[in-house]
Amino acid sequence: MVRNLLSSCRGAVIFRLSLSILILSFFSGSAQATDLSLISGFYKKSAPDVGNGSSQFSLGARLGFGSSQQSRQWFAQANFASTSYSGDGAPAGETSLALGGGQIYFLKNFGGARSYLSWLLAFQNNETSNTNVTKLKSSGLFYGGNAGFRFDLSKDFFLDLNAQLFTSALVATDTVETSAGGTTTKTETKRTEIYLDTLGGVNDLTIGLGLEF
């Protein structure tokens, strides 16, 4: 048991170290970032008289390397989201963390709106507690594609309208933990998706406000 635990910990450390080296190698040719975008940021709280209350927080940012006026640009991106609940019998909550990087390819310019395509490679860790006895965890290396428009509002500010085209797991592990009668049962499923898992709907659209410096 101890050997398996040490092996799992060693594997997790090696995986995260490898990801960090991969991300850093993306930007080794750039001396400094040239733009910063806020792609997610909100706080929302509800406290109804009857039922469970909730508190939601989300923050996401993207750092661009090299001039965005060129045909392509490297970037690093981080996203964090958390939801907690209050009240009798409320679930523990949800957390989500993503850290990665990729590249944007700028295409045609439509009168101040530049179209682009981009790809992203990121480590993600998601945890959800649907009930007091069931926990869902998903972690691994994911890749995805996006398309959008960048609107140059001024010399220093821009606005990105971004649509997620697909996201897939390169290597991921899904874990279901169920606790009952003092006993915890854990089931793990490993998956690799070498295909485009297309998404749809307005929930896949994000708006980012950026600053060039």
C-alpha atoms as a PDB file:
ATOM      1  CA  MET A   1       0.000   0.000   0.000  1.00  0.00           C
ATOM      2  CA  VAL A   2       2.825   2.402   0.956  1.00  0.00           C
ATOM      3  CA  ARG A   3       4.674   1.480  -2.243  1.00  0.00           C
ATOM      4  CA  ASN A   4       1.586   2.238  -4.359  1.00  0.00           C
ATOM      5  CA  LEU A   5       1.098   5.574  -2.567  1.00  0.00           C
ATOM      6  CA  LEU A   6       4.720   6.584  -3.147  1.00  0.00           C
ATOM      7  CA  SER A   7       4.456   5.532  -6.781  1.00  0.00           C
ATOM      8  CA  SER A   8       1.303   7.620  -7.263  1.00  0.00           C
ATOM      9  CA  CYS A   9       2.875  10.667  -5.618  1.00  0.00           C
ATOM     10  CA  ARG A  10       6.043  10.277  -7.693  1.00  0.00           C
ATOM     11  CA  GLY A  11       3.977   9.993 -10.863  1.00  0.00           C
ATOM     12  CA  ALA A  12       2.000  13.141 -10.005  1.00  0.00           C
ATOM     13  CA  VAL A  13       5.202  15.120  -9.320  1.00  0.00           C
ATOM     14  CA  ILE A  14       6.828  13.971 -12.565  1.00  0.00           C
ATOM     15  CA  PHE A  15       3.655  14.771 -14.528  1.00  0.00           C
ATOM     16  CA  ARG A  16       3.361  18.321 -13.167  1.00  0.00           C
ATOM     17  CA  LEU A  17       7.102  18.947 -13.546  1.00  0.00           C
ATOM     18  CA  SER A  18       6.987  17.778 -17.165  1.00  0.00           C
ATOM     19  CA  LEU A  19       3.997  20.024 -17.829  1.00  0.00           C
ATOM     20  CA  SER A  20       5.794  23.009 -16.289  1.00  0.00           C
ATOM     21  CA  ILE A  21       8.881  22.409 -18.441  1.00  0.00           C
ATOM     22  CA  LEU A  22       6.684  22.065 -21.540  1.00  0.00           C
ATOM     23  CA  ILE A  23       4.868  25.321 -20.831  1.00  0.00           C
ATOM     24  CA  LEU A  24       8.094  27.197 -20.088  1.00  0.00           C
ATOM     25  CA  SER A  25       9.625  25.937 -23.332  1.00  0.00           C
ATOM     26  CA  PHE A  26       6.708  27.530 -25.230  1.00  0.00           C
ATOM     27  CA  PHE A  27       7.880  30.983 -24.196  1.00  0.00           C
ATOM     28  CA  SER A  28      11.655  30.552 -23.996  1.00  0.00           C
ATOM     29  CA  GLY A  29      12.149  32.812 -27.016  1.00  0.00           C
ATOM     30  CA  SER A  30      10.199  35.744 -25.528  1.00  0.00           C
ATOM     31  CA  ALA A  31      11.840  38.156 -23.136  1.00  0.00           C
ATOM     32  CA  GLN A  32       8.627  39.553 -21.652  1.00  0.00           C
ATOM     33  CA  ALA A  33       4.864  39.516 -21.938  1.00  0.00           C
ATOM     34  CA  THR A  34       3.289  42.155 -24.147  1.00  0.00           C
ATOM     35  CA  ASP A  35      -0.397  41.900 -23.207  1.00  0.00           C
ATOM     36  CA  LEU A  36      -2.617  40.755 -20.356  1.00  0.00           C
ATOM     37  CA  SER A  37      -6.260  39.690 -20.749  1.00  0.00           C
ATOM     38  CA  LEU A  38      -8.946  39.146 -18.133  1.00  0.00           C
ATOM     39  CA  ILE A  39     -10.991  36.282 -19.597  1.00  0.00           C
ATOM     40  CA  SER A  40     -13.072  35.426 -16.530  1.00  0.00           C
ATOM     41  CA  GLY A  41     -13.869  37.314 -13.366  1.00  0.00           C
ATOM     42  CA  PHE A  42     -17.030  37.307 -11.305  1.00  0.00           C
ATOM     43  CA  TYR A  43     -18.429  36.794  -7.816  1.00  0.00           C
ATOM     44  CA  LYS A  44     -22.035  35.823  -7.139  1.00  0.00           C
ATOM     45  CA  LYS A  45     -23.797  34.926  -3.895  1.00  0.00           C
ATOM     46  CA  SER A  46     -27.353  33.867  -3.130  1.00  0.00           C
ATOM     47  CA  ALA A  47     -28.976  33.287   0.252  1.00  0.00           C
ATOM     48  CA  PRO A  48     -32.625  32.208  -0.135  1.00  0.00           C
ATOM     49  CA  ASP A  49     -34.959  31.928   2.860  1.00  0.00           C
ATOM     50  CA  VAL A  50     -35.700  28.318   1.924  1.00  0.00           C
ATOM     51  CA  GLY A  51     -33.183  25.852   0.478  1.00  0.00           C
ATOM     52  CA  ASN A  52     -29.443  25.972   0.011  1.00  0.00           C
ATOM     53  CA  GLY A  53     -27.465  29.128  -0.585  1.00  0.00           C
ATOM     54  CA  SER A  54     -24.485  29.332  -2.909  1.00  0.00           C
ATOM     55  CA  SER A  55     -21.364  31.406  -3.429  1.00  0.00           C
ATOM     56  CA  GLN A  56     -19.539  31.408  -6.781  1.00  0.00           C
ATOM     57  CA  PHE A  57     -16.145  32.856  -7.679  1.00  0.00           C
ATOM     58  CA  SER A  58     -14.226  32.704 -10.944  1.00  0.00           C
ATOM     59  CA  LEU A  59     -10.980  34.261 -12.147  1.00  0.00           C
ATOM     60  CA  GLY A  60      -9.120  33.664 -15.392  1.00  0.00           C
ATOM     61  CA  ALA A  61      -6.243  35.494 -17.065  1.00  0.00           C
ATOM     62  CA  ARG A  62      -4.119  35.142 -20.171  1.00  0.00           C
ATOM     63  CA  LEU A  63      -0.590  36.477 -20.695  1.00  0.00           C
ATOM     64  CA  GLY A  64       0.502  37.099 -24.300  1.00  0.00           C
ATOM     65  CA  PHE A  65       4.147  36.872 -25.393  1.00  0.00           C
ATOM     66  CA  GLY A  66       5.392  38.766 -28.427  1.00  0.00           C
ATOM     67  CA  SER A  67       3.517  41.424 -30.358  1.00  0.00           C
ATOM     68  CA  SER A  68      -0.130  40.648 -31.153  1.00  0.00           C
ATOM     69  CA  GLN A  69       0.329  42.608 -34.379  1.00  0.00           C
ATOM     70  CA  GLN A  70       2.303  39.679 -35.774  1.00  0.00           C
ATOM     71  CA  SER A  71       0.658  36.709 -37.476  1.00  0.00           C
ATOM     72  CA  ARG A  72       0.930  34.492 -34.386  1.00  0.00           C
ATOM     73  CA  GLN A  73       1.462  34.846 -30.648  1.00  0.00           C
ATOM     74  CA  TRP A  74       2.309  32.488 -27.776  1.00  0.00           C
ATOM     75  CA  PHE A  75       0.336  32.765 -24.539  1.00  0.00           C
ATOM     76  CA  ALA A  76       0.039  31.320 -21.017  1.00  0.00           C
ATOM     77  CA  GLN A  77      -3.373  30.956 -19.388  1.00  0.00           C
ATOM     78  CA  ALA A  78      -4.712  30.220 -15.903  1.00  0.00           C
ATOM     79  CA  ASN A  79      -8.304  29.695 -14.743  1.00  0.00           C
ATOM     80  CA  PHE A  80      -9.752  29.116 -11.283  1.00  0.00           C
ATOM     81  CA  ALA A  81     -13.397  28.630 -10.313  1.00  0.00           C
ATOM     82  CA  SER A  82     -15.027  27.735  -7.003  1.00  0.00           C
ATOM     83  CA  THR A  83     -18.605  27.151  -5.875  1.00  0.00           C
ATOM     84  CA  SER A  84     -19.618  26.562  -2.254  1.00  0.00           C
ATOM     85  CA  TYR A  85     -23.033  25.836  -0.758  1.00  0.00           C
ATOM     86  CA  SER A  86     -24.673  26.533   2.596  1.00  0.00           C
ATOM     87  CA  GLY A  87     -27.710  25.075   4.333  1.00  0.00           C
ATOM     88  CA  ASP A  88     -28.855  21.742   5.717  1.00  0.00           C
ATOM     89  CA  GLY A  89     -27.812  18.816   3.561  1.00  0.00           C
ATOM     90  CA  ALA A  90     -25.934  21.061   1.114  1.00  0.00           C
ATOM     91  CA  PRO A  91     -23.138  19.512  -1.004  1.00  0.00           C
ATOM     92  CA  ALA A  92     -19.558  20.500  -0.230  1.00  0.00           C
ATOM     93  CA  GLY A  93     -19.094  22.407  -3.490  1.00  0.00           C
ATOM     94  CA  GLU A  94     -17.015  22.484  -6.659  1.00  0.00           C
ATOM     95  CA  THR A  95     -13.517  23.636  -7.571  1.00  0.00           C
ATOM     96  CA  SER A  96     -11.774  23.849 -10.925  1.00  0.00           C
ATOM     97  CA  LEU A  97      -8.171  24.756 -11.775  1.00  0.00           C
ATOM     98  CA  ALA A  98      -6.551  24.929 -15.211  1.00  0.00           C
ATOM     99  CA  LEU A  99      -3.002  25.992 -16.109  1.00  0.00           C
ATOM    100  CA  GLY A 100      -1.494  25.846 -19.570  1.00  0.00           C
ATOM    101  CA  GLY A 101      -0.521  27.637 -22.741  1.00  0.00           C
ATOM    102  CA  GLY A 102      -0.851  27.694 -26.489  1.00  0.00           C
ATOM    103  CA  GLN A 103      -0.676  29.815 -29.599  1.00  0.00           C
ATOM    104  CA  ILE A 104      -2.955  32.241 -31.444  1.00  0.00           C
ATOM    105  CA  TYR A 105      -2.920  32.524 -35.248  1.00  0.00           C
ATOM    106  CA  PHE A 106      -4.299  35.847 -36.476  1.00  0.00           C
ATOM    107  CA  LEU A 107      -6.078  35.683 -39.827  1.00  0.00           C
ATOM    108  CA  LYS A 108      -7.992  38.368 -41.741  1.00  0.00           C
ATOM    109  CA  ASN A 109      -8.668  41.908 -40.556  1.00  0.00           C
ATOM    110  CA  PHE A 110     -12.281  43.033 -40.924  1.00  0.00           C
ATOM    111  CA  GLY A 111     -12.122  46.765 -40.307  1.00  0.00           C
ATOM    112  CA  GLY A 112     -10.604  46.668 -36.824  1.00  0.00           C
ATOM    113  CA  ALA A 113     -11.761  43.137 -35.981  1.00  0.00           C
ATOM    114  CA  ARG A 114      -9.044  40.535 -36.488  1.00  0.00           C
ATOM    115  CA  SER A 115     -10.175  36.919 -36.793  1.00  0.00           C
ATOM    116  CA  TYR A 116      -8.049  34.194 -35.230  1.00  0.00           C
ATOM    117  CA  LEU A 117      -7.701  30.493 -34.466  1.00  0.00           C
ATOM    118  CA  SER A 118      -5.905  29.152 -31.393  1.00  0.00           C
ATOM    119  CA  TRP A 119      -4.961  25.948 -29.627  1.00  0.00           C
ATOM    120  CA  LEU A 120      -4.460  25.306 -25.917  1.00  0.00           C
ATOM    121  CA  LEU A 121      -2.709  22.587 -23.913  1.00  0.00           C
ATOM    122  CA  ALA A 122      -3.498  22.664 -20.185  1.00  0.00           C
ATOM    123  CA  PHE A 123      -3.411  20.678 -16.968  1.00  0.00           C
ATOM    124  CA  GLN A 124      -6.892  20.631 -15.403  1.00  0.00           C
ATOM    125  CA  ASN A 125      -8.115  19.483 -12.009  1.00  0.00           C
ATOM    126  CA  ASN A 126     -11.852  19.471 -11.289  1.00  0.00           C
ATOM    127  CA  GLU A 127     -13.575  18.328  -8.083  1.00  0.00           C
ATOM    128  CA  THR A 128     -17.339  18.160  -7.549  1.00  0.00           C
ATOM    129  CA  SER A 129     -19.382  17.033  -4.566  1.00  0.00           C
ATOM    130  CA  ASN A 130     -22.903  16.275  -5.816  1.00  0.00           C
ATOM    131  CA  THR A 131     -24.036  15.044  -2.412  1.00  0.00           C
ATOM    132  CA  ASN A 132     -22.524  14.572   1.040  1.00  0.00           C
ATOM    133  CA  VAL A 133     -21.511  11.011   0.140  1.00  0.00           C
ATOM    134  CA  THR A 134     -20.407  11.257  -3.501  1.00  0.00           C
ATOM    135  CA  LYS A 135     -17.368  13.094  -4.869  1.00  0.00           C
ATOM    136  CA  LEU A 136     -16.306  13.325  -8.503  1.00  0.00           C
ATOM    137  CA  LYS A 137     -12.734  14.187  -9.481  1.00  0.00           C
ATOM    138  CA  SER A 138     -11.179  14.638 -12.902  1.00  0.00           C
ATOM    139  CA  SER A 139      -7.570  15.583 -13.584  1.00  0.00           C
ATOM    140  CA  GLY A 140      -5.195  15.352 -16.493  1.00  0.00           C
ATOM    141  CA  LEU A 141      -3.770  16.964 -19.588  1.00  0.00           C
ATOM    142  CA  PHE A 142      -6.345  18.417 -21.990  1.00  0.00           C
ATOM    143  CA  TYR A 143      -6.079  20.053 -25.411  1.00  0.00           C
ATOM    144  CA  GLY A 144      -8.550  22.210 -27.295  1.00  0.00           C
ATOM    145  CA  GLY A 145      -9.169  24.608 -30.151  1.00  0.00           C
ATOM    146  CA  ASN A 146     -10.781  28.045 -30.261  1.00  0.00           C
ATOM    147  CA  ALA A 147     -11.835  30.660 -32.794  1.00  0.00           C
ATOM    148  CA  GLY A 148     -12.717  34.288 -32.348  1.00  0.00           C
ATOM    149  CA  PHE A 149     -12.273  37.963 -33.115  1.00  0.00           C
ATOM    150  CA  ARG A 150      -9.988  40.556 -31.522  1.00  0.00           C
ATOM    151  CA  PHE A 151     -11.337  44.123 -31.539  1.00  0.00           C
ATOM    152  CA  ASP A 152      -8.704  46.842 -31.151  1.00  0.00           C
ATOM    153  CA  LEU A 153     -10.532  49.408 -28.978  1.00  0.00           C
ATOM    154  CA  SER A 154      -7.556  51.748 -28.758  1.00  0.00           C
ATOM    155  CA  LYS A 155      -3.776  51.699 -28.862  1.00  0.00           C
ATOM    156  CA  ASP A 156      -3.638  50.015 -25.450  1.00  0.00           C
ATOM    157  CA  PHE A 157      -6.923  48.132 -25.023  1.00  0.00           C
ATOM    158  CA  PHE A 158      -8.545  45.285 -26.961  1.00  0.00           C
ATOM    159  CA  LEU A 159     -11.539  42.991 -26.644  1.00  0.00           C
ATOM    160  CA  ASP A 160     -11.557  39.265 -27.508  1.00  0.00           C
ATOM    161  CA  LEU A 161     -14.729  37.396 -28.449  1.00  0.00           C
ATOM    162  CA  ASN A 162     -13.725  33.735 -28.148  1.00  0.00           C
ATOM    163  CA  ALA A 163     -15.646  30.527 -28.978  1.00  0.00           C
ATOM    164  CA  GLN A 164     -14.477  27.096 -27.864  1.00  0.00           C
ATOM    165  CA  LEU A 165     -14.533  24.683 -30.790  1.00  0.00           C
ATOM    166  CA  PHE A 166     -13.565  21.477 -28.968  1.00  0.00           C
ATOM    167  CA  THR A 167     -11.800  20.087 -25.943  1.00  0.00           C
ATOM    168  CA  SER A 168     -10.433  16.561 -25.418  1.00  0.00           C
ATOM    169  CA  ALA A 169      -8.404  14.655 -22.851  1.00  0.00           C
ATOM    170  CA  LEU A 170      -4.888  13.723 -23.906  1.00  0.00           C
ATOM    171  CA  VAL A 171      -4.404  11.849 -20.617  1.00  0.00           C
ATOM    172  CA  ALA A 172      -6.994  12.078 -17.818  1.00  0.00           C
ATOM    173  CA  THR A 173      -8.205  10.176 -14.760  1.00  0.00           C
ATOM    174  CA  ASP A 174     -11.807  10.302 -13.521  1.00  0.00           C
ATOM    175  CA  THR A 175     -12.412   9.274  -9.909  1.00  0.00           C
ATOM    176  CA  VAL A 176     -15.710   8.582  -8.144  1.00  0.00           C
ATOM    177  CA  GLU A 177     -15.620   8.383  -4.333  1.00  0.00           C
ATOM    178  CA  THR A 178     -18.674   7.104  -2.463  1.00  0.00           C
ATOM    179  CA  SER A 179     -18.891   7.073   1.327  1.00  0.00           C
ATOM    180  CA  ALA A 180     -21.484   4.973   3.123  1.00  0.00           C
ATOM    181  CA  GLY A 181     -21.541   3.401   6.591  1.00  0.00           C
ATOM    182  CA  GLY A 182     -18.022   4.586   7.371  1.00  0.00           C
ATOM    183  CA  THR A 183     -16.624   2.930   4.240  1.00  0.00           C
ATOM    184  CA  THR A 184     -15.269   4.807   1.226  1.00  0.00           C
ATOM    185  CA  THR A 185     -15.314   3.191  -2.194  1.00  0.00           C
ATOM    186  CA  LYS A 186     -13.135   4.659  -4.959  1.00  0.00           C
ATOM    187  CA  THR A 187     -13.426   3.915  -8.674  1.00  0.00           C
ATOM    188  CA  GLU A 188     -10.894   5.266 -11.190  1.00  0.00           C
ATOM    189  CA  THR A 189     -11.228   5.449 -14.958  1.00  0.00           C
ATOM    190  CA  LYS A 190      -8.315   6.490 -17.177  1.00  0.00           C
ATOM    191  CA  ARG A 191      -9.071   7.905 -20.611  1.00  0.00           C
ATOM    192  CA  THR A 192      -7.301   9.185 -23.700  1.00  0.00           C
ATOM    193  CA  GLU A 193      -9.238  11.025 -26.426  1.00  0.00           C
ATOM    194  CA  ILE A 194      -7.468  11.440 -29.754  1.00  0.00           C
ATOM    195  CA  TYR A 195     -10.367  13.098 -31.520  1.00  0.00           C
ATOM    196  CA  LEU A 196     -12.268  16.396 -31.546  1.00  0.00           C
ATOM    197  CA  ASP A 197     -15.029  16.431 -28.934  1.00  0.00           C
ATOM    198  CA  THR A 198     -17.056  19.301 -30.364  1.00  0.00           C
ATOM    199  CA  LEU A 199     -19.029  21.480 -27.995  1.00  0.00           C
ATOM    200  CA  GLY A 200     -21.897  23.849 -28.683  1.00  0.00           C
ATOM    201  CA  GLY A 201     -24.023  26.573 -27.143  1.00  0.00           C
ATOM    202  CA  VAL A 202     -23.569  30.098 -25.820  1.00  0.00           C
ATOM    203  CA  ASN A 203     -21.907  28.760 -22.661  1.00  0.00           C
ATOM    204  CA  ASP A 204     -18.788  28.169 -24.751  1.00  0.00           C
ATOM    205  CA  LEU A 205     -18.404  31.870 -25.587  1.00  0.00           C
ATOM    206  CA  THR A 206     -16.080  34.066 -23.527  1.00  0.00           C
ATOM    207  CA  ILE A 207     -15.318  37.788 -23.670  1.00  0.00           C
ATOM    208  CA  GLY A 208     -11.850  38.965 -22.640  1.00  0.00           C
ATOM    209  CA  LEU A 209     -10.733  42.524 -21.961  1.00  0.00           C
ATOM    210  CA  GLY A 210      -7.018  43.027 -22.567  1.00  0.00           C
ATOM    211  CA  LEU A 211      -4.271  45.585 -22.089  1.00  0.00           C
ATOM    212  CA  GLU A 212      -1.152  45.870 -24.249  1.00  0.00           C
ATOM    213  CA  PHE A 213       2.067  47.213 -22.691  1.00  0.00           C
END
